[in-house]
């Protein structure tokens, strides 16, 4: 797929989390609205995608979704096409994705969490996904061992596990591409998870491939990680591709 065509590919960014581990600030806002460099981390994620040619964003909302909608409805964001979709307060990730199905008007879509940044070339990620022809592609990175991990055989994901006891050295970096047919593995039921369920099933069916990224990647689960990202922003922000 040519670079110019990426503008019509939907990018789903999961925005429903409460970010309970970030609450020591005493700020009642959704985790994707926690700021790095004076901007919500969600804004940084969208800027990364936009720098590689994407401009259609689907935001499944949950906790304090009104704050996200208010911020990104401002005129300065008009170059992006943003769909805000209320997907429930306690809905798990798989159900949130399924509940935005009507907004995914393409054969493929990208998906990521609303709390991590990366310096990967996302257009190359997309092209790699198209080439192998499987249902899904997951970006794999080398982070701390407290995260879930995947067993790889070349670029085939043979096992998908969240927080196993043994370390294989690769984890889910959270930047995915899927064929729209992947939605058949999801349900609108609030307890439909993404990792514990759909990803495990397609991996078992040899339908999930890894896209290896050895560059910068960082999620923001704690105030300490937020502070780390803010320090990096002041030094030049390795994820800044715009």
C-alpha atoms as a PDB file:
ATOM      1  CA  UNK A   1       0.000   0.000   0.000  1.00  0.00           C
ATOM      2  CA  UNK A   2       1.376   3.403  -0.937  1.00  0.00           C
ATOM      3  CA  UNK A   3       2.200   5.921   1.746  1.00  0.00           C
ATOM      4  CA  UNK A   4      -0.565   8.296   0.600  1.00  0.00           C
ATOM      5  CA  UNK A   5      -3.219   5.607   1.158  1.00  0.00           C
ATOM      6  CA  UNK A   6      -2.514   5.447   4.883  1.00  0.00           C
ATOM      7  CA  UNK A   7      -4.682   8.509   5.396  1.00  0.00           C
ATOM      8  CA  UNK A   8      -7.793   6.377   5.038  1.00  0.00           C
ATOM      9  CA  UNK A   9      -6.663   3.592   7.383  1.00  0.00           C
ATOM     10  CA  UNK A  10      -8.376   3.840  10.807  1.00  0.00           C
ATOM     11  CA  UNK A  11      -6.198   4.000  13.917  1.00  0.00           C
ATOM     12  CA  UNK A  12      -7.967   2.839  17.082  1.00  0.00           C
ATOM     13  CA  UNK A  13      -6.413   4.218  20.281  1.00  0.00           C
ATOM     14  CA  UNK A  14      -7.779   2.708  23.478  1.00  0.00           C
ATOM     15  CA  UNK A  15      -8.777   5.598  25.745  1.00  0.00           C
ATOM     16  CA  UNK A  16     -11.057   4.061  28.351  1.00  0.00           C
ATOM     17  CA  UNK A  17      -8.609   3.420  31.173  1.00  0.00           C
ATOM     18  CA  UNK A  18      -8.804   5.199  34.519  1.00  0.00           C
ATOM     19  CA  UNK A  19      -5.074   5.184  35.154  1.00  0.00           C
ATOM     20  CA  UNK A  20      -5.531   4.315  38.816  1.00  0.00           C
ATOM     21  CA  UNK A  21      -1.780   4.006  39.359  1.00  0.00           C
ATOM     22  CA  UNK A  22      -1.403   7.636  38.274  1.00  0.00           C
ATOM     23  CA  UNK A  23      -3.828   8.915  40.918  1.00  0.00           C
ATOM     24  CA  UNK A  24      -1.200  10.103  43.370  1.00  0.00           C
ATOM     25  CA  UNK A  25      -1.515  13.406  41.534  1.00  0.00           C
ATOM     26  CA  UNK A  26      -5.072  13.629  42.804  1.00  0.00           C
ATOM     27  CA  UNK A  27      -6.208  14.533  39.282  1.00  0.00           C
ATOM     28  CA  UNK A  28      -9.500  12.964  38.120  1.00  0.00           C
ATOM     29  CA  UNK A  29      -8.664  12.524  34.452  1.00  0.00           C
ATOM     30  CA  UNK A  30      -8.306   9.553  32.110  1.00  0.00           C
ATOM     31  CA  UNK A  31      -4.825   8.129  31.752  1.00  0.00           C
ATOM     32  CA  UNK A  32      -4.427   9.179  28.075  1.00  0.00           C
ATOM     33  CA  UNK A  33      -4.857  12.801  29.202  1.00  0.00           C
ATOM     34  CA  UNK A  34      -1.864  12.723  31.568  1.00  0.00           C
ATOM     35  CA  UNK A  35       0.545  15.284  30.171  1.00  0.00           C
ATOM     36  CA  UNK A  36       4.045  14.905  28.804  1.00  0.00           C
ATOM     37  CA  UNK A  37       5.691  18.138  27.788  1.00  0.00           C
ATOM     38  CA  UNK A  38       2.479  20.054  28.411  1.00  0.00           C
ATOM     39  CA  UNK A  39       0.399  17.860  26.039  1.00  0.00           C
ATOM     40  CA  UNK A  40      -1.654  14.720  26.757  1.00  0.00           C
ATOM     41  CA  UNK A  41       0.235  11.536  25.959  1.00  0.00           C
ATOM     42  CA  UNK A  42      -2.682  10.714  23.654  1.00  0.00           C
ATOM     43  CA  UNK A  43      -1.747  13.775  21.583  1.00  0.00           C
ATOM     44  CA  UNK A  44       1.829  12.496  21.289  1.00  0.00           C
ATOM     45  CA  UNK A  45       0.582   9.112  20.068  1.00  0.00           C
ATOM     46  CA  UNK A  46      -1.632  10.720  17.456  1.00  0.00           C
ATOM     47  CA  UNK A  47       1.222  12.963  16.307  1.00  0.00           C
ATOM     48  CA  UNK A  48       3.436   9.896  15.843  1.00  0.00           C
ATOM     49  CA  UNK A  49       0.829   8.256  13.625  1.00  0.00           C
ATOM     50  CA  UNK A  50       0.124  11.477  11.736  1.00  0.00           C
ATOM     51  CA  UNK A  51       3.834  11.925  10.969  1.00  0.00           C
ATOM     52  CA  UNK A  52       3.698   8.625   9.040  1.00  0.00           C
ATOM     53  CA  UNK A  53       0.611   9.553   7.018  1.00  0.00           C
ATOM     54  CA  UNK A  54      -2.316   8.448   9.205  1.00  0.00           C
ATOM     55  CA  UNK A  55      -5.093  10.917   9.916  1.00  0.00           C
ATOM     56  CA  UNK A  56      -8.221   8.882  10.805  1.00  0.00           C
ATOM     57  CA  UNK A  57      -8.498   8.183  14.521  1.00  0.00           C
ATOM     58  CA  UNK A  58     -11.158   6.233  16.392  1.00  0.00           C
ATOM     59  CA  UNK A  59     -11.127   6.834  20.149  1.00  0.00           C
ATOM     60  CA  UNK A  60     -13.090   4.332  22.286  1.00  0.00           C
ATOM     61  CA  UNK A  61     -13.950   6.346  25.389  1.00  0.00           C
ATOM     62  CA  UNK A  62     -14.602   5.236  28.959  1.00  0.00           C
ATOM     63  CA  UNK A  63     -13.587   7.008  32.169  1.00  0.00           C
ATOM     64  CA  UNK A  64     -14.014  10.812  31.811  1.00  0.00           C
ATOM     65  CA  UNK A  65     -14.301  10.545  28.075  1.00  0.00           C
ATOM     66  CA  UNK A  66     -15.810  14.016  28.044  1.00  0.00           C
ATOM     67  CA  UNK A  67     -12.372  15.476  28.789  1.00  0.00           C
ATOM     68  CA  UNK A  68     -10.846  13.728  25.792  1.00  0.00           C
ATOM     69  CA  UNK A  69     -13.655  14.791  23.495  1.00  0.00           C
ATOM     70  CA  UNK A  70     -13.474  18.395  24.662  1.00  0.00           C
ATOM     71  CA  UNK A  71      -9.715  18.635  24.170  1.00  0.00           C
ATOM     72  CA  UNK A  72      -9.565  17.028  20.720  1.00  0.00           C
ATOM     73  CA  UNK A  73     -12.657  18.784  19.386  1.00  0.00           C
ATOM     74  CA  UNK A  74     -10.798  22.082  19.251  1.00  0.00           C
ATOM     75  CA  UNK A  75     -10.231  23.665  15.848  1.00  0.00           C
ATOM     76  CA  UNK A  76      -6.467  23.143  15.882  1.00  0.00           C
ATOM     77  CA  UNK A  77      -6.978  19.428  15.371  1.00  0.00           C
ATOM     78  CA  UNK A  78      -9.016  19.720  12.152  1.00  0.00           C
ATOM     79  CA  UNK A  79      -6.359  17.982   9.957  1.00  0.00           C
ATOM     80  CA  UNK A  80      -7.322  14.786  11.775  1.00  0.00           C
ATOM     81  CA  UNK A  81     -10.603  12.928  11.384  1.00  0.00           C
ATOM     82  CA  UNK A  82     -11.527  11.860  14.908  1.00  0.00           C
ATOM     83  CA  UNK A  83     -14.440   9.652  15.927  1.00  0.00           C
ATOM     84  CA  UNK A  84     -15.303   9.623  19.642  1.00  0.00           C
ATOM     85  CA  UNK A  85     -17.155   6.472  20.697  1.00  0.00           C
ATOM     86  CA  UNK A  86     -18.528   5.867  24.188  1.00  0.00           C
ATOM     87  CA  UNK A  87     -17.703   2.230  24.961  1.00  0.00           C
ATOM     88  CA  UNK A  88     -18.525   1.949  28.661  1.00  0.00           C
ATOM     89  CA  UNK A  89     -16.850   2.645  31.961  1.00  0.00           C
ATOM     90  CA  UNK A  90     -15.725  -0.874  32.922  1.00  0.00           C
ATOM     91  CA  UNK A  91     -15.433  -2.428  29.450  1.00  0.00           C
ATOM     92  CA  UNK A  92     -12.347  -4.534  28.719  1.00  0.00           C
ATOM     93  CA  UNK A  93     -10.152  -3.765  25.721  1.00  0.00           C
ATOM     94  CA  UNK A  94     -11.467  -6.438  23.360  1.00  0.00           C
ATOM     95  CA  UNK A  95     -15.044  -5.265  23.781  1.00  0.00           C
ATOM     96  CA  UNK A  96     -14.015  -1.636  23.268  1.00  0.00           C
ATOM     97  CA  UNK A  97     -12.491  -2.537  19.909  1.00  0.00           C
ATOM     98  CA  UNK A  98     -15.555  -4.549  18.874  1.00  0.00           C
ATOM     99  CA  UNK A  99     -17.870  -1.690  19.856  1.00  0.00           C
ATOM    100  CA  UNK A 100     -16.179   0.671  17.356  1.00  0.00           C
ATOM    101  CA  UNK A 101     -16.534  -1.787  14.465  1.00  0.00           C
ATOM    102  CA  UNK A 102     -18.914   0.508  12.569  1.00  0.00           C
ATOM    103  CA  UNK A 103     -16.157   3.145  12.370  1.00  0.00           C
ATOM    104  CA  UNK A 104     -13.591   0.821  10.788  1.00  0.00           C
ATOM    105  CA  UNK A 105     -14.400   1.337   7.131  1.00  0.00           C
ATOM    106  CA  UNK A 106     -11.315  -0.321   5.645  1.00  0.00           C
ATOM    107  CA  UNK A 107      -9.928  -3.817   5.179  1.00  0.00           C
ATOM    108  CA  UNK A 108      -7.237  -3.191   7.815  1.00  0.00           C
ATOM    109  CA  UNK A 109      -6.921  -1.054  10.927  1.00  0.00           C
ATOM    110  CA  UNK A 110      -4.229  -0.078  13.407  1.00  0.00           C
ATOM    111  CA  UNK A 111      -4.650  -0.404  17.153  1.00  0.00           C
ATOM    112  CA  UNK A 112      -2.653   0.848  20.101  1.00  0.00           C
ATOM    113  CA  UNK A 113      -2.982   1.652  23.781  1.00  0.00           C
ATOM    114  CA  UNK A 114      -3.396   5.223  24.965  1.00  0.00           C
ATOM    115  CA  UNK A 115      -0.294   5.310  27.139  1.00  0.00           C
ATOM    116  CA  UNK A 116       2.823   4.463  25.125  1.00  0.00           C
ATOM    117  CA  UNK A 117       5.176   6.130  22.655  1.00  0.00           C
ATOM    118  CA  UNK A 118       7.609   4.691  20.122  1.00  0.00           C
ATOM    119  CA  UNK A 119      10.009   5.815  17.396  1.00  0.00           C
ATOM    120  CA  UNK A 120       9.110   3.024  14.978  1.00  0.00           C
ATOM    121  CA  UNK A 121       8.224   3.754  11.336  1.00  0.00           C
ATOM    122  CA  UNK A 122       4.519   2.913  11.405  1.00  0.00           C
ATOM    123  CA  UNK A 123       4.158   2.977   7.629  1.00  0.00           C
ATOM    124  CA  UNK A 124       6.763   0.180   7.451  1.00  0.00           C
ATOM    125  CA  UNK A 125       4.817  -1.666  10.124  1.00  0.00           C
ATOM    126  CA  UNK A 126       1.731  -1.407   7.939  1.00  0.00           C
ATOM    127  CA  UNK A 127       3.526  -2.637   4.829  1.00  0.00           C
ATOM    128  CA  UNK A 128       5.022  -5.589   6.734  1.00  0.00           C
ATOM    129  CA  UNK A 129       1.514  -6.545   7.833  1.00  0.00           C
ATOM    130  CA  UNK A 130       0.220  -6.408   4.266  1.00  0.00           C
ATOM    131  CA  UNK A 131       3.086  -8.543   2.983  1.00  0.00           C
ATOM    132  CA  UNK A 132       2.656 -11.512   5.331  1.00  0.00           C
ATOM    133  CA  UNK A 133      -1.129 -11.663   4.874  1.00  0.00           C
ATOM    134  CA  UNK A 134      -2.012 -12.892   8.387  1.00  0.00           C
ATOM    135  CA  UNK A 135      -4.827 -11.551  10.564  1.00  0.00           C
ATOM    136  CA  UNK A 136      -2.610  -9.559  12.883  1.00  0.00           C
ATOM    137  CA  UNK A 137       0.779  -7.976  13.448  1.00  0.00           C
ATOM    138  CA  UNK A 138       2.123  -6.918  16.828  1.00  0.00           C
ATOM    139  CA  UNK A 139       5.161  -4.732  17.408  1.00  0.00           C
ATOM    140  CA  UNK A 140       7.512  -6.492  19.810  1.00  0.00           C
ATOM    141  CA  UNK A 141      10.071  -4.663  21.942  1.00  0.00           C
ATOM    142  CA  UNK A 142      12.664  -5.368  24.650  1.00  0.00           C
ATOM    143  CA  UNK A 143      11.465  -3.751  27.921  1.00  0.00           C
ATOM    144  CA  UNK A 144      11.489  -4.584  31.639  1.00  0.00           C
ATOM    145  CA  UNK A 145      10.520  -8.167  32.494  1.00  0.00           C
ATOM    146  CA  UNK A 146       7.411  -7.125  34.462  1.00  0.00           C
ATOM    147  CA  UNK A 147       5.465  -6.969  31.193  1.00  0.00           C
ATOM    148  CA  UNK A 148       3.762  -9.816  29.374  1.00  0.00           C
ATOM    149  CA  UNK A 149       5.865 -11.679  26.847  1.00  0.00           C
ATOM    150  CA  UNK A 150       5.622 -13.601  23.592  1.00  0.00           C
ATOM    151  CA  UNK A 151       7.435 -16.651  22.305  1.00  0.00           C
ATOM    152  CA  UNK A 152       8.688 -16.115  18.757  1.00  0.00           C
ATOM    153  CA  UNK A 153       9.846 -18.451  16.002  1.00  0.00           C
ATOM    154  CA  UNK A 154      11.396 -16.124  13.469  1.00  0.00           C
ATOM    155  CA  UNK A 155       8.537 -13.634  12.999  1.00  0.00           C
ATOM    156  CA  UNK A 156       5.785 -16.074  13.919  1.00  0.00           C
ATOM    157  CA  UNK A 157       4.122 -15.519  17.292  1.00  0.00           C
ATOM    158  CA  UNK A 158       3.746 -19.049  18.676  1.00  0.00           C
ATOM    159  CA  UNK A 159       2.557 -18.112  22.163  1.00  0.00           C
ATOM    160  CA  UNK A 160       1.090 -14.944  23.667  1.00  0.00           C
ATOM    161  CA  UNK A 161       1.253 -14.612  27.460  1.00  0.00           C
ATOM    162  CA  UNK A 162       0.710 -11.752  29.882  1.00  0.00           C
ATOM    163  CA  UNK A 163       3.321 -11.525  32.675  1.00  0.00           C
ATOM    164  CA  UNK A 164       4.731 -15.071  32.587  1.00  0.00           C
ATOM    165  CA  UNK A 165       7.224 -16.364  35.123  1.00  0.00           C
ATOM    166  CA  UNK A 166       9.963 -16.967  32.556  1.00  0.00           C
ATOM    167  CA  UNK A 167      11.464 -14.292  30.335  1.00  0.00           C
ATOM    168  CA  UNK A 168      11.889 -14.692  26.573  1.00  0.00           C
ATOM    169  CA  UNK A 169      13.101 -11.144  26.012  1.00  0.00           C
ATOM    170  CA  UNK A 170      10.208  -9.921  23.840  1.00  0.00           C
ATOM    171  CA  UNK A 171       7.010  -8.195  24.931  1.00  0.00           C
ATOM    172  CA  UNK A 172       3.927  -6.709  23.369  1.00  0.00           C
ATOM    173  CA  UNK A 173       4.823  -3.121  22.454  1.00  0.00           C
ATOM    174  CA  UNK A 174       1.188  -2.234  21.853  1.00  0.00           C
ATOM    175  CA  UNK A 175       1.322  -1.079  18.216  1.00  0.00           C
ATOM    176  CA  UNK A 176      -0.812  -3.489  16.191  1.00  0.00           C
ATOM    177  CA  UNK A 177      -2.227  -3.875  12.675  1.00  0.00           C
ATOM    178  CA  UNK A 178      -5.164  -6.168  11.974  1.00  0.00           C
ATOM    179  CA  UNK A 179      -7.289  -7.298   9.117  1.00  0.00           C
ATOM    180  CA  UNK A 180     -10.864  -6.262   9.796  1.00  0.00           C
ATOM    181  CA  UNK A 181     -11.734  -9.972   9.939  1.00  0.00           C
ATOM    182  CA  UNK A 182      -9.958 -10.060  13.316  1.00  0.00           C
ATOM    183  CA  UNK A 183     -13.102  -8.502  14.796  1.00  0.00           C
ATOM    184  CA  UNK A 184     -14.773 -11.920  14.465  1.00  0.00           C
ATOM    185  CA  UNK A 185     -12.659 -13.011  17.442  1.00  0.00           C
ATOM    186  CA  UNK A 186     -14.092 -10.248  19.635  1.00  0.00           C
ATOM    187  CA  UNK A 187     -17.416  -9.654  21.366  1.00  0.00           C
ATOM    188  CA  UNK A 188     -19.265  -6.542  22.521  1.00  0.00           C
ATOM    189  CA  UNK A 189     -19.682  -8.143  25.956  1.00  0.00           C
ATOM    190  CA  UNK A 190     -17.939  -5.954  28.535  1.00  0.00           C
ATOM    191  CA  UNK A 191     -15.739  -8.826  29.758  1.00  0.00           C
ATOM    192  CA  UNK A 192     -14.198  -9.509  26.325  1.00  0.00           C
ATOM    193  CA  UNK A 193     -10.468  -9.011  26.706  1.00  0.00           C
ATOM    194  CA  UNK A 194      -7.900  -8.482  23.977  1.00  0.00           C
ATOM    195  CA  UNK A 195      -4.750 -10.158  25.281  1.00  0.00           C
ATOM    196  CA  UNK A 196      -6.407 -12.930  27.308  1.00  0.00           C
ATOM    197  CA  UNK A 197      -8.504 -14.249  24.480  1.00  0.00           C
ATOM    198  CA  UNK A 198      -8.401 -12.987  20.917  1.00  0.00           C
ATOM    199  CA  UNK A 199      -4.639 -12.537  20.607  1.00  0.00           C
ATOM    200  CA  UNK A 200      -4.000 -15.909  22.184  1.00  0.00           C
ATOM    201  CA  UNK A 201      -6.443 -17.559  19.798  1.00  0.00           C
ATOM    202  CA  UNK A 202      -5.043 -16.088  16.599  1.00  0.00           C
ATOM    203  CA  UNK A 203      -1.488 -16.859  17.741  1.00  0.00           C
ATOM    204  CA  UNK A 204      -2.520 -20.498  18.253  1.00  0.00           C
ATOM    205  CA  UNK A 205      -3.923 -20.493  14.697  1.00  0.00           C
ATOM    206  CA  UNK A 206      -0.668 -19.114  13.208  1.00  0.00           C
ATOM    207  CA  UNK A 207      -2.407 -15.827  12.381  1.00  0.00           C
ATOM    208  CA  UNK A 208      -0.246 -13.406  14.405  1.00  0.00           C
ATOM    209  CA  UNK A 209       3.118 -12.097  13.258  1.00  0.00           C
ATOM    210  CA  UNK A 210       5.742 -10.064  15.079  1.00  0.00           C
ATOM    211  CA  UNK A 211       7.235  -6.805  13.881  1.00  0.00           C
ATOM    212  CA  UNK A 212      10.501  -6.378  15.769  1.00  0.00           C
ATOM    213  CA  UNK A 213      11.432  -2.938  17.008  1.00  0.00           C
ATOM    214  CA  UNK A 214      14.819  -2.408  18.634  1.00  0.00           C
ATOM    215  CA  UNK A 215      14.559   1.350  18.993  1.00  0.00           C
ATOM    216  CA  UNK A 216      12.908   3.572  21.583  1.00  0.00           C
ATOM    217  CA  UNK A 217       9.690   2.460  23.287  1.00  0.00           C
ATOM    218  CA  UNK A 218       8.170   3.525  26.591  1.00  0.00           C
ATOM    219  CA  UNK A 219       4.782   3.121  28.214  1.00  0.00           C
ATOM    220  CA  UNK A 220       3.437   5.238  31.055  1.00  0.00           C
ATOM    221  CA  UNK A 221       1.984   3.073  33.816  1.00  0.00           C
ATOM    222  CA  UNK A 222       3.258   4.996  36.839  1.00  0.00           C
ATOM    223  CA  UNK A 223       4.096   8.553  37.907  1.00  0.00           C
ATOM    224  CA  UNK A 224       7.759   7.564  37.716  1.00  0.00           C
ATOM    225  CA  UNK A 225       7.403   6.648  34.040  1.00  0.00           C
ATOM    226  CA  UNK A 226       5.512   9.881  33.404  1.00  0.00           C
ATOM    227  CA  UNK A 227       8.342  11.847  34.994  1.00  0.00           C
ATOM    228  CA  UNK A 228      10.865   9.911  32.901  1.00  0.00           C
ATOM    229  CA  UNK A 229       9.008  10.809  29.704  1.00  0.00           C
ATOM    230  CA  UNK A 230       8.880  14.464  30.731  1.00  0.00           C
ATOM    231  CA  UNK A 231      12.640  14.466  31.261  1.00  0.00           C
ATOM    232  CA  UNK A 232      13.158  12.889  27.858  1.00  0.00           C
ATOM    233  CA  UNK A 233      10.878  15.492  26.272  1.00  0.00           C
ATOM    234  CA  UNK A 234      13.098  18.269  27.566  1.00  0.00           C
ATOM    235  CA  UNK A 235      16.137  16.518  26.094  1.00  0.00           C
ATOM    236  CA  UNK A 236      14.640  16.123  22.637  1.00  0.00           C
ATOM    237  CA  UNK A 237      12.026  13.335  22.880  1.00  0.00           C
ATOM    238  CA  UNK A 238      13.292  10.263  20.969  1.00  0.00           C
ATOM    239  CA  UNK A 239       9.728   9.458  19.871  1.00  0.00           C
ATOM    240  CA  UNK A 240       9.185  12.879  18.250  1.00  0.00           C
ATOM    241  CA  UNK A 241       8.881  12.155  14.530  1.00  0.00           C
ATOM    242  CA  UNK A 242       7.086  15.359  13.534  1.00  0.00           C
END
